[in-house]
Amino acid sequence: MPLQPPPPPSISPSQMTLLRIVATMAWSDGHLADEEVGVMLDQFSRLFATSASQQTALRDELRDYLMQNLPLEELVPKLTSAAERELVLKLGHQVISSSARTPGEDLINQEEANAYSQLVALLDLPADVVQRVEQASDRAAVDHDHIIEHMAAELKSFVEDH
């Protein structure tokens, strides 16, 4: 029996695209920990659903999508505005800057740096915007334990403003 794709989630396509790009950046080092998935699912289900039962259902829906490591080339063209592209750049930079896999490793390893460079190229934002976003992200320097909560707050602010 062929594998069936999961049913479409109950969030908007643009919200799904944002989440998938963030998940892809989290996957860029080749590993997405179960704990990271759990925290992302908790935060994002609270952001996009109001009742506890809706949050549980959305959490279950999104799990399959977050576990997929999709190519950025497939996802970035689905972004419809400069504001979305800038948000994705900010979140992508925060994800790769959040921690090293091992104590002796650079904060941003080569796989993450390559994925980020690819993201920057695909987003095609002006150089001054990229520089401003990176500097703001560096100043914010969110630690690994709070990166998902910070990303959820960024997404919530974006959703409320757009």
N, C-alpha and C. Protein backbone atom coordinates (compact mmCIF):
# COMPACT_ATOMS: atom_id res chain seq x y z
N MET A 1 0.85 -1.18 0.00
CA MET A 1 0.00 0.00 0.00
C MET A 1 0.90 1.24 0.00
N PRO A 2 0.68 2.20 -0.93
CA PRO A 2 1.50 3.41 -0.97
C PRO A 2 1.23 4.31 0.22
N LEU A 3 2.26 5.05 0.62
CA LEU A 3 2.11 5.98 1.72
C LEU A 3 1.19 7.12 1.32
N GLN A 4 0.31 7.47 2.21
CA GLN A 4 -0.60 8.59 1.98
C GLN A 4 -0.05 9.83 2.65
N PRO A 5 -0.07 10.98 1.94
CA PRO A 5 0.37 12.20 2.62
C PRO A 5 -0.62 12.56 3.72
N PRO A 6 -0.13 13.26 4.75
CA PRO A 6 -1.06 13.65 5.82
C PRO A 6 -2.09 14.63 5.28
N PRO A 7 -3.27 14.69 5.92
CA PRO A 7 -4.28 15.64 5.46
C PRO A 7 -3.80 17.07 5.66
N PRO A 8 -4.32 18.01 4.90
CA PRO A 8 -3.88 19.40 5.07
C PRO A 8 -4.15 19.87 6.50
N PRO A 9 -3.22 20.65 7.06
CA PRO A 9 -3.42 21.13 8.43
C PRO A 9 -4.47 22.22 8.47
N SER A 10 -4.94 22.50 9.66
CA SER A 10 -6.00 23.50 9.81
C SER A 10 -5.46 24.91 9.96
N ILE A 11 -4.17 25.11 9.68
CA ILE A 11 -3.63 26.47 9.67
C ILE A 11 -3.52 26.91 8.21
N SER A 12 -3.32 28.19 8.00
CA SER A 12 -3.27 28.71 6.64
C SER A 12 -2.03 28.20 5.91
N PRO A 13 -2.08 28.17 4.58
CA PRO A 13 -0.90 27.76 3.83
C PRO A 13 0.33 28.63 4.13
N SER A 14 0.14 29.92 4.31
CA SER A 14 1.31 30.78 4.59
C SER A 14 1.89 30.46 5.97
N GLN A 15 1.04 30.19 6.97
CA GLN A 15 1.53 29.81 8.29
C GLN A 15 2.29 28.48 8.20
N MET A 16 1.76 27.55 7.41
CA MET A 16 2.41 26.25 7.25
C MET A 16 3.77 26.41 6.58
N THR A 17 3.85 27.28 5.59
CA THR A 17 5.13 27.51 4.91
C THR A 17 6.16 28.07 5.88
N LEU A 18 5.76 29.03 6.70
CA LEU A 18 6.68 29.59 7.69
C LEU A 18 7.20 28.50 8.63
N LEU A 19 6.29 27.68 9.13
CA LEU A 19 6.69 26.61 10.05
C LEU A 19 7.62 25.60 9.38
N ARG A 20 7.33 25.27 8.14
CA ARG A 20 8.15 24.28 7.44
C ARG A 20 9.56 24.81 7.18
N ILE A 21 9.67 26.09 6.85
CA ILE A 21 11.00 26.65 6.61
C ILE A 21 11.80 26.66 7.91
N VAL A 22 11.16 27.04 9.00
CA VAL A 22 11.85 27.03 10.30
C VAL A 22 12.28 25.60 10.63
N ALA A 23 11.41 24.63 10.40
CA ALA A 23 11.77 23.23 10.67
C ALA A 23 12.92 22.79 9.78
N THR A 24 12.92 23.19 8.52
CA THR A 24 14.00 22.82 7.60
C THR A 24 15.33 23.39 8.08
N MET A 25 15.31 24.63 8.56
CA MET A 25 16.54 25.21 9.09
C MET A 25 16.99 24.44 10.35
N ALA A 26 16.04 24.03 11.18
CA ALA A 26 16.39 23.24 12.37
C ALA A 26 16.99 21.89 11.96
N TRP A 27 16.55 21.36 10.82
CA TRP A 27 17.07 20.08 10.32
C TRP A 27 18.43 20.23 9.65
N SER A 28 18.88 21.46 9.38
CA SER A 28 20.06 21.67 8.54
C SER A 28 21.33 21.00 9.06
N ASP A 29 21.41 20.76 10.36
CA ASP A 29 22.59 20.07 10.89
C ASP A 29 22.39 18.55 10.90
N GLY A 30 21.30 18.09 10.29
CA GLY A 30 21.05 16.66 10.15
C GLY A 30 20.34 16.02 11.32
N HIS A 31 19.94 16.83 12.30
CA HIS A 31 19.32 16.25 13.49
C HIS A 31 18.24 17.19 14.04
N LEU A 32 17.10 16.63 14.30
CA LEU A 32 16.03 17.36 14.96
C LEU A 32 15.60 16.49 16.14
N ALA A 33 15.93 16.94 17.34
CA ALA A 33 15.67 16.16 18.55
C ALA A 33 14.18 16.08 18.85
N ASP A 34 13.76 14.96 19.43
CA ASP A 34 12.36 14.79 19.81
C ASP A 34 11.90 15.91 20.73
N GLU A 35 12.80 16.33 21.63
CA GLU A 35 12.45 17.41 22.55
C GLU A 35 12.17 18.71 21.79
N GLU A 36 13.00 18.99 20.75
CA GLU A 36 12.79 20.20 19.95
C GLU A 36 11.45 20.14 19.23
N VAL A 37 11.12 18.97 18.70
CA VAL A 37 9.84 18.80 18.01
C VAL A 37 8.70 19.03 18.99
N GLY A 38 8.79 18.45 20.17
CA GLY A 38 7.74 18.60 21.17
C GLY A 38 7.52 20.05 21.56
N VAL A 39 8.61 20.78 21.78
CA VAL A 39 8.49 22.18 22.16
C VAL A 39 7.91 22.99 21.01
N MET A 40 8.38 22.74 19.77
CA MET A 40 7.82 23.46 18.62
C MET A 40 6.33 23.20 18.49
N LEU A 41 5.94 21.94 18.62
CA LEU A 41 4.53 21.59 18.49
C LEU A 41 3.69 22.26 19.58
N ASP A 42 4.19 22.26 20.81
CA ASP A 42 3.46 22.92 21.90
C ASP A 42 3.28 24.41 21.63
N GLN A 43 4.38 25.07 21.29
CA GLN A 43 4.33 26.51 21.08
C GLN A 43 3.46 26.89 19.89
N PHE A 44 3.65 26.21 18.77
CA PHE A 44 2.92 26.58 17.57
C PHE A 44 1.44 26.20 17.65
N SER A 45 1.11 25.11 18.35
CA SER A 45 -0.31 24.78 18.50
C SER A 45 -1.00 25.80 19.40
N ARG A 46 -0.30 26.31 20.41
CA ARG A 46 -0.88 27.37 21.25
C ARG A 46 -1.05 28.66 20.46
N LEU A 47 -0.15 28.91 19.55
CA LEU A 47 -0.22 30.13 18.75
C LEU A 47 -1.39 30.12 17.78
N PHE A 48 -1.64 28.98 17.15
CA PHE A 48 -2.62 28.92 16.06
C PHE A 48 -3.96 28.31 16.45
N ALA A 49 -4.13 27.86 17.69
CA ALA A 49 -5.41 27.30 18.14
C ALA A 49 -5.76 27.89 19.50
N THR A 50 -7.05 28.02 19.76
CA THR A 50 -7.47 28.68 20.99
C THR A 50 -7.82 27.73 22.12
N SER A 51 -8.59 26.70 21.86
CA SER A 51 -9.00 25.79 22.93
C SER A 51 -8.00 24.65 23.08
N ALA A 52 -8.05 24.01 24.23
CA ALA A 52 -7.15 22.89 24.49
C ALA A 52 -7.36 21.75 23.49
N SER A 53 -8.62 21.47 23.14
CA SER A 53 -8.89 20.39 22.20
C SER A 53 -8.38 20.75 20.80
N GLN A 54 -8.52 22.02 20.40
CA GLN A 54 -7.98 22.45 19.10
C GLN A 54 -6.46 22.36 19.10
N GLN A 55 -5.85 22.74 20.22
CA GLN A 55 -4.39 22.69 20.32
C GLN A 55 -3.89 21.25 20.21
N THR A 56 -4.57 20.32 20.86
CA THR A 56 -4.18 18.92 20.79
C THR A 56 -4.31 18.40 19.37
N ALA A 57 -5.41 18.72 18.72
CA ALA A 57 -5.63 18.27 17.35
C ALA A 57 -4.57 18.87 16.41
N LEU A 58 -4.31 20.17 16.56
CA LEU A 58 -3.33 20.82 15.70
C LEU A 58 -1.93 20.27 15.95
N ARG A 59 -1.63 20.00 17.20
CA ARG A 59 -0.33 19.43 17.55
C ARG A 59 -0.13 18.11 16.82
N ASP A 60 -1.16 17.27 16.82
CA ASP A 60 -1.09 15.98 16.12
C ASP A 60 -0.95 16.19 14.61
N GLU A 61 -1.68 17.16 14.06
CA GLU A 61 -1.61 17.45 12.62
C GLU A 61 -0.20 17.89 12.22
N LEU A 62 0.38 18.79 13.01
CA LEU A 62 1.65 19.40 12.64
C LEU A 62 2.85 18.47 12.81
N ARG A 63 2.73 17.46 13.67
CA ARG A 63 3.86 16.56 13.92
C ARG A 63 4.40 15.98 12.61
N ASP A 64 3.54 15.44 11.78
CA ASP A 64 3.99 14.83 10.53
C ASP A 64 4.69 15.85 9.64
N TYR A 65 4.20 17.07 9.64
CA TYR A 65 4.79 18.10 8.80
C TYR A 65 6.14 18.56 9.30
N LEU A 66 6.31 18.67 10.61
CA LEU A 66 7.59 19.10 11.15
C LEU A 66 8.67 18.03 11.00
N MET A 67 8.26 16.78 10.91
CA MET A 67 9.23 15.70 10.77
C MET A 67 9.73 15.58 9.33
N GLN A 68 9.09 16.27 8.40
CA GLN A 68 9.53 16.26 7.01
C GLN A 68 10.62 17.31 6.82
N ASN A 69 11.71 16.90 6.22
CA ASN A 69 12.81 17.81 5.95
C ASN A 69 12.74 18.16 4.46
N LEU A 70 12.01 19.21 4.14
CA LEU A 70 11.78 19.58 2.74
C LEU A 70 12.84 20.55 2.25
N PRO A 71 13.13 20.52 0.95
CA PRO A 71 14.14 21.44 0.41
C PRO A 71 13.67 22.89 0.46
N LEU A 72 14.59 23.77 0.81
CA LEU A 72 14.27 25.20 0.84
C LEU A 72 13.81 25.70 -0.53
N GLU A 73 14.39 25.13 -1.60
CA GLU A 73 14.01 25.56 -2.95
C GLU A 73 12.53 25.35 -3.22
N GLU A 74 11.95 24.38 -2.54
CA GLU A 74 10.53 24.08 -2.71
C GLU A 74 9.66 25.01 -1.86
N LEU A 75 10.18 25.42 -0.71
CA LEU A 75 9.39 26.19 0.25
C LEU A 75 9.45 27.70 0.05
N VAL A 76 10.63 28.25 -0.16
CA VAL A 76 10.80 29.70 -0.21
C VAL A 76 9.94 30.37 -1.28
N PRO A 77 9.79 29.79 -2.48
CA PRO A 77 8.94 30.44 -3.48
C PRO A 77 7.47 30.59 -3.07
N LYS A 78 7.07 29.88 -2.03
CA LYS A 78 5.69 29.99 -1.55
C LYS A 78 5.46 31.22 -0.67
N LEU A 79 6.54 31.88 -0.26
CA LEU A 79 6.41 33.10 0.54
C LEU A 79 5.87 34.20 -0.36
N THR A 80 4.88 34.94 0.14
CA THR A 80 4.18 35.88 -0.73
C THR A 80 4.51 37.35 -0.49
N SER A 81 5.28 37.64 0.54
CA SER A 81 5.56 39.05 0.81
C SER A 81 6.99 39.23 1.32
N ALA A 82 7.47 40.47 1.19
CA ALA A 82 8.79 40.80 1.72
C ALA A 82 8.81 40.63 3.24
N ALA A 83 7.70 40.92 3.90
CA ALA A 83 7.62 40.77 5.35
C ALA A 83 7.79 39.29 5.75
N GLU A 84 7.18 38.38 5.00
CA GLU A 84 7.35 36.95 5.28
C GLU A 84 8.80 36.53 5.06
N ARG A 85 9.40 37.00 3.98
CA ARG A 85 10.79 36.65 3.68
C ARG A 85 11.73 37.16 4.78
N GLU A 86 11.47 38.37 5.26
CA GLU A 86 12.30 38.92 6.32
C GLU A 86 12.12 38.14 7.62
N LEU A 87 10.88 37.77 7.95
CA LEU A 87 10.62 36.96 9.14
C LEU A 87 11.34 35.62 9.05
N VAL A 88 11.28 34.97 7.90
CA VAL A 88 11.93 33.68 7.71
C VAL A 88 13.44 33.83 7.88
N LEU A 89 14.01 34.91 7.36
CA LEU A 89 15.44 35.15 7.52
C LEU A 89 15.78 35.28 9.01
N LYS A 90 14.99 36.05 9.72
CA LYS A 90 15.22 36.25 11.15
C LYS A 90 15.12 34.93 11.92
N LEU A 91 14.07 34.17 11.67
CA LEU A 91 13.89 32.90 12.37
C LEU A 91 14.96 31.90 11.99
N GLY A 92 15.31 31.87 10.70
CA GLY A 92 16.35 30.95 10.24
C GLY A 92 17.69 31.25 10.90
N HIS A 93 18.02 32.53 11.00
CA HIS A 93 19.28 32.92 11.65
C HIS A 93 19.25 32.54 13.13
N GLN A 94 18.11 32.75 13.79
CA GLN A 94 18.00 32.40 15.21
C GLN A 94 18.13 30.90 15.42
N VAL A 95 17.53 30.11 14.54
CA VAL A 95 17.59 28.66 14.69
C VAL A 95 19.02 28.16 14.60
N ILE A 96 19.75 28.61 13.58
CA ILE A 96 21.11 28.08 13.43
C ILE A 96 22.08 28.66 14.46
N SER A 97 21.73 29.78 15.04
CA SER A 97 22.61 30.41 16.04
C SER A 97 22.30 29.97 17.46
N SER A 98 21.33 29.10 17.64
CA SER A 98 20.85 28.80 18.99
C SER A 98 21.75 27.88 19.79
N SER A 99 22.47 26.98 19.12
CA SER A 99 23.33 26.08 19.91
C SER A 99 24.24 25.27 19.01
N ALA A 100 25.27 24.72 19.64
CA ALA A 100 26.15 23.76 18.98
C ALA A 100 25.71 22.37 19.39
N ARG A 101 25.97 21.40 18.52
CA ARG A 101 25.59 20.02 18.84
C ARG A 101 26.48 19.43 19.93
N THR A 102 27.75 19.83 19.94
CA THR A 102 28.70 19.34 20.93
C THR A 102 29.43 20.53 21.54
N PRO A 103 29.97 20.38 22.75
CA PRO A 103 30.63 21.51 23.41
C PRO A 103 31.79 22.11 22.61
N GLY A 104 32.54 21.32 21.84
CA GLY A 104 33.68 21.83 21.10
C GLY A 104 33.36 22.37 19.72
N GLU A 105 32.11 22.25 19.31
CA GLU A 105 31.73 22.65 17.96
C GLU A 105 31.42 24.15 17.91
N ASP A 106 31.65 24.75 16.73
CA ASP A 106 31.27 26.15 16.53
C ASP A 106 29.77 26.30 16.71
N LEU A 107 29.36 27.50 17.12
CA LEU A 107 27.94 27.76 17.32
C LEU A 107 27.15 27.48 16.05
N ILE A 108 27.66 27.92 14.91
CA ILE A 108 27.04 27.62 13.61
C ILE A 108 28.00 26.69 12.88
N ASN A 109 27.57 25.42 12.70
CA ASN A 109 28.44 24.46 12.03
C ASN A 109 28.33 24.64 10.51
N GLN A 110 29.15 23.91 9.77
CA GLN A 110 29.22 24.10 8.32
C GLN A 110 27.90 23.79 7.62
N GLU A 111 27.20 22.75 8.06
CA GLU A 111 25.91 22.41 7.44
C GLU A 111 24.91 23.54 7.64
N GLU A 112 24.89 24.10 8.85
CA GLU A 112 23.98 25.21 9.13
C GLU A 112 24.35 26.45 8.33
N ALA A 113 25.65 26.73 8.24
CA ALA A 113 26.11 27.89 7.47
C ALA A 113 25.72 27.74 6.00
N ASN A 114 25.87 26.54 5.46
CA ASN A 114 25.49 26.29 4.07
C ASN A 114 23.99 26.47 3.86
N ALA A 115 23.19 25.94 4.78
CA ALA A 115 21.73 26.08 4.66
C ALA A 115 21.33 27.54 4.77
N TYR A 116 21.96 28.27 5.66
CA TYR A 116 21.64 29.69 5.83
C TYR A 116 22.02 30.48 4.58
N SER A 117 23.18 30.20 4.01
CA SER A 117 23.59 30.88 2.77
C SER A 117 22.60 30.60 1.65
N GLN A 118 22.14 29.37 1.58
CA GLN A 118 21.14 29.01 0.58
C GLN A 118 19.83 29.77 0.83
N LEU A 119 19.43 29.86 2.09
CA LEU A 119 18.21 30.58 2.44
C LEU A 119 18.33 32.05 2.04
N VAL A 120 19.45 32.67 2.36
CA VAL A 120 19.66 34.08 2.01
C VAL A 120 19.55 34.27 0.50
N ALA A 121 20.19 33.39 -0.26
CA ALA A 121 20.15 33.50 -1.72
C ALA A 121 18.72 33.33 -2.25
N LEU A 122 18.00 32.36 -1.72
CA LEU A 122 16.63 32.11 -2.18
C LEU A 122 15.67 33.24 -1.81
N LEU A 123 15.88 33.85 -0.65
CA LEU A 123 15.00 34.94 -0.22
C LEU A 123 15.19 36.19 -1.05
N ASP A 124 16.40 36.38 -1.59
CA ASP A 124 16.70 37.50 -2.49
C ASP A 124 16.31 38.85 -1.88
N LEU A 125 16.68 39.03 -0.61
CA LEU A 125 16.43 40.31 0.07
C LEU A 125 17.61 41.24 -0.17
N PRO A 126 17.40 42.55 -0.11
CA PRO A 126 18.51 43.48 -0.25
C PRO A 126 19.56 43.24 0.84
N ALA A 127 20.83 43.47 0.49
CA ALA A 127 21.94 43.22 1.41
C ALA A 127 21.78 43.98 2.72
N ASP A 128 21.26 45.20 2.66
CA ASP A 128 21.11 45.98 3.89
C ASP A 128 20.06 45.37 4.81
N VAL A 129 19.03 44.76 4.24
CA VAL A 129 18.00 44.08 5.05
C VAL A 129 18.62 42.86 5.73
N VAL A 130 19.39 42.08 4.97
CA VAL A 130 20.03 40.89 5.53
C VAL A 130 20.96 41.30 6.67
N GLN A 131 21.75 42.34 6.46
CA GLN A 131 22.68 42.80 7.49
C GLN A 131 21.93 43.26 8.74
N ARG A 132 20.85 44.03 8.55
CA ARG A 132 20.06 44.53 9.68
C ARG A 132 19.47 43.37 10.48
N VAL A 133 18.89 42.38 9.79
CA VAL A 133 18.28 41.23 10.45
C VAL A 133 19.33 40.43 11.22
N GLU A 134 20.48 40.19 10.61
CA GLU A 134 21.53 39.42 11.28
C GLU A 134 22.06 40.15 12.51
N GLN A 135 22.25 41.45 12.39
CA GLN A 135 22.74 42.22 13.53
C GLN A 135 21.72 42.21 14.67
N ALA A 136 20.45 42.37 14.33
CA ALA A 136 19.40 42.34 15.36
C ALA A 136 19.34 40.96 16.02
N SER A 137 19.48 39.92 15.22
CA SER A 137 19.45 38.56 15.75
C SER A 137 20.66 38.31 16.66
N ASP A 138 21.82 38.80 16.24
CA ASP A 138 23.02 38.64 17.07
C ASP A 138 22.87 39.38 18.40
N ARG A 139 22.27 40.57 18.35
CA ARG A 139 22.07 41.34 19.59
C ARG A 139 21.08 40.63 20.51
N ALA A 140 20.05 40.02 19.93
CA ALA A 140 19.04 39.33 20.74
C ALA A 140 19.61 38.04 21.34
N ALA A 141 20.50 37.39 20.61
CA ALA A 141 21.20 36.17 21.07
C ALA A 141 20.35 35.33 22.02
N VAL A 142 19.37 34.67 21.48
CA VAL A 142 18.47 33.83 22.27
C VAL A 142 19.17 32.50 22.57
N ASP A 143 19.16 32.10 23.82
CA ASP A 143 19.80 30.84 24.16
C ASP A 143 18.95 29.66 23.71
N HIS A 144 19.59 28.51 23.57
CA HIS A 144 18.95 27.32 23.02
C HIS A 144 17.68 26.92 23.76
N ASP A 145 17.68 27.03 25.08
CA ASP A 145 16.53 26.60 25.86
C ASP A 145 15.29 27.44 25.60
N HIS A 146 15.46 28.63 25.05
CA HIS A 146 14.31 29.51 24.84
C HIS A 146 14.08 29.86 23.37
N ILE A 147 14.79 29.23 22.45
CA ILE A 147 14.68 29.60 21.04
C ILE A 147 13.27 29.35 20.49
N ILE A 148 12.65 28.24 20.83
CA ILE A 148 11.33 27.94 20.28
C ILE A 148 10.29 28.94 20.80
N GLU A 149 10.37 29.26 22.09
CA GLU A 149 9.45 30.24 22.65
C GLU A 149 9.63 31.60 21.97
N HIS A 150 10.90 31.95 21.71
CA HIS A 150 11.18 33.23 21.04
C HIS A 150 10.63 33.22 19.62
N MET A 151 10.82 32.11 18.90
CA MET A 151 10.30 32.01 17.53
C MET A 151 8.78 32.09 17.53
N ALA A 152 8.14 31.42 18.48
CA ALA A 152 6.68 31.47 18.57
C ALA A 152 6.20 32.89 18.81
N ALA A 153 6.92 33.63 19.66
CA ALA A 153 6.55 35.03 19.92
C ALA A 153 6.72 35.87 18.65
N GLU A 154 7.78 35.63 17.89
CA GLU A 154 7.99 36.35 16.63
C GLU A 154 6.86 36.04 15.66
N LEU A 155 6.49 34.76 15.54
CA LEU A 155 5.40 34.37 14.65
C LEU A 155 4.07 34.97 15.09
N LYS A 156 3.82 34.96 16.39
CA LYS A 156 2.57 35.54 16.90
C LYS A 156 2.50 37.02 16.57
N SER A 157 3.58 37.71 16.78
CA SER A 157 3.60 39.14 16.47
C SER A 157 3.37 39.36 14.97
N PHE A 158 3.99 38.55 14.15
CA PHE A 158 3.82 38.68 12.70
C PHE A 158 2.37 38.41 12.30
N VAL A 159 1.78 37.33 12.82
CA VAL A 159 0.40 36.97 12.48
C VAL A 159 -0.57 38.07 12.92
N GLU A 160 -0.34 38.63 14.11
CA GLU A 160 -1.22 39.69 14.60
C GLU A 160 -1.10 40.97 13.78
N ASP A 161 0.10 41.24 13.24
CA ASP A 161 0.33 42.45 12.46
C ASP A 161 -0.07 42.33 10.99
N HIS A 162 -0.24 41.09 10.49
CA HIS A 162 -0.52 40.91 9.05
C HIS A 162 -1.83 40.22 8.84
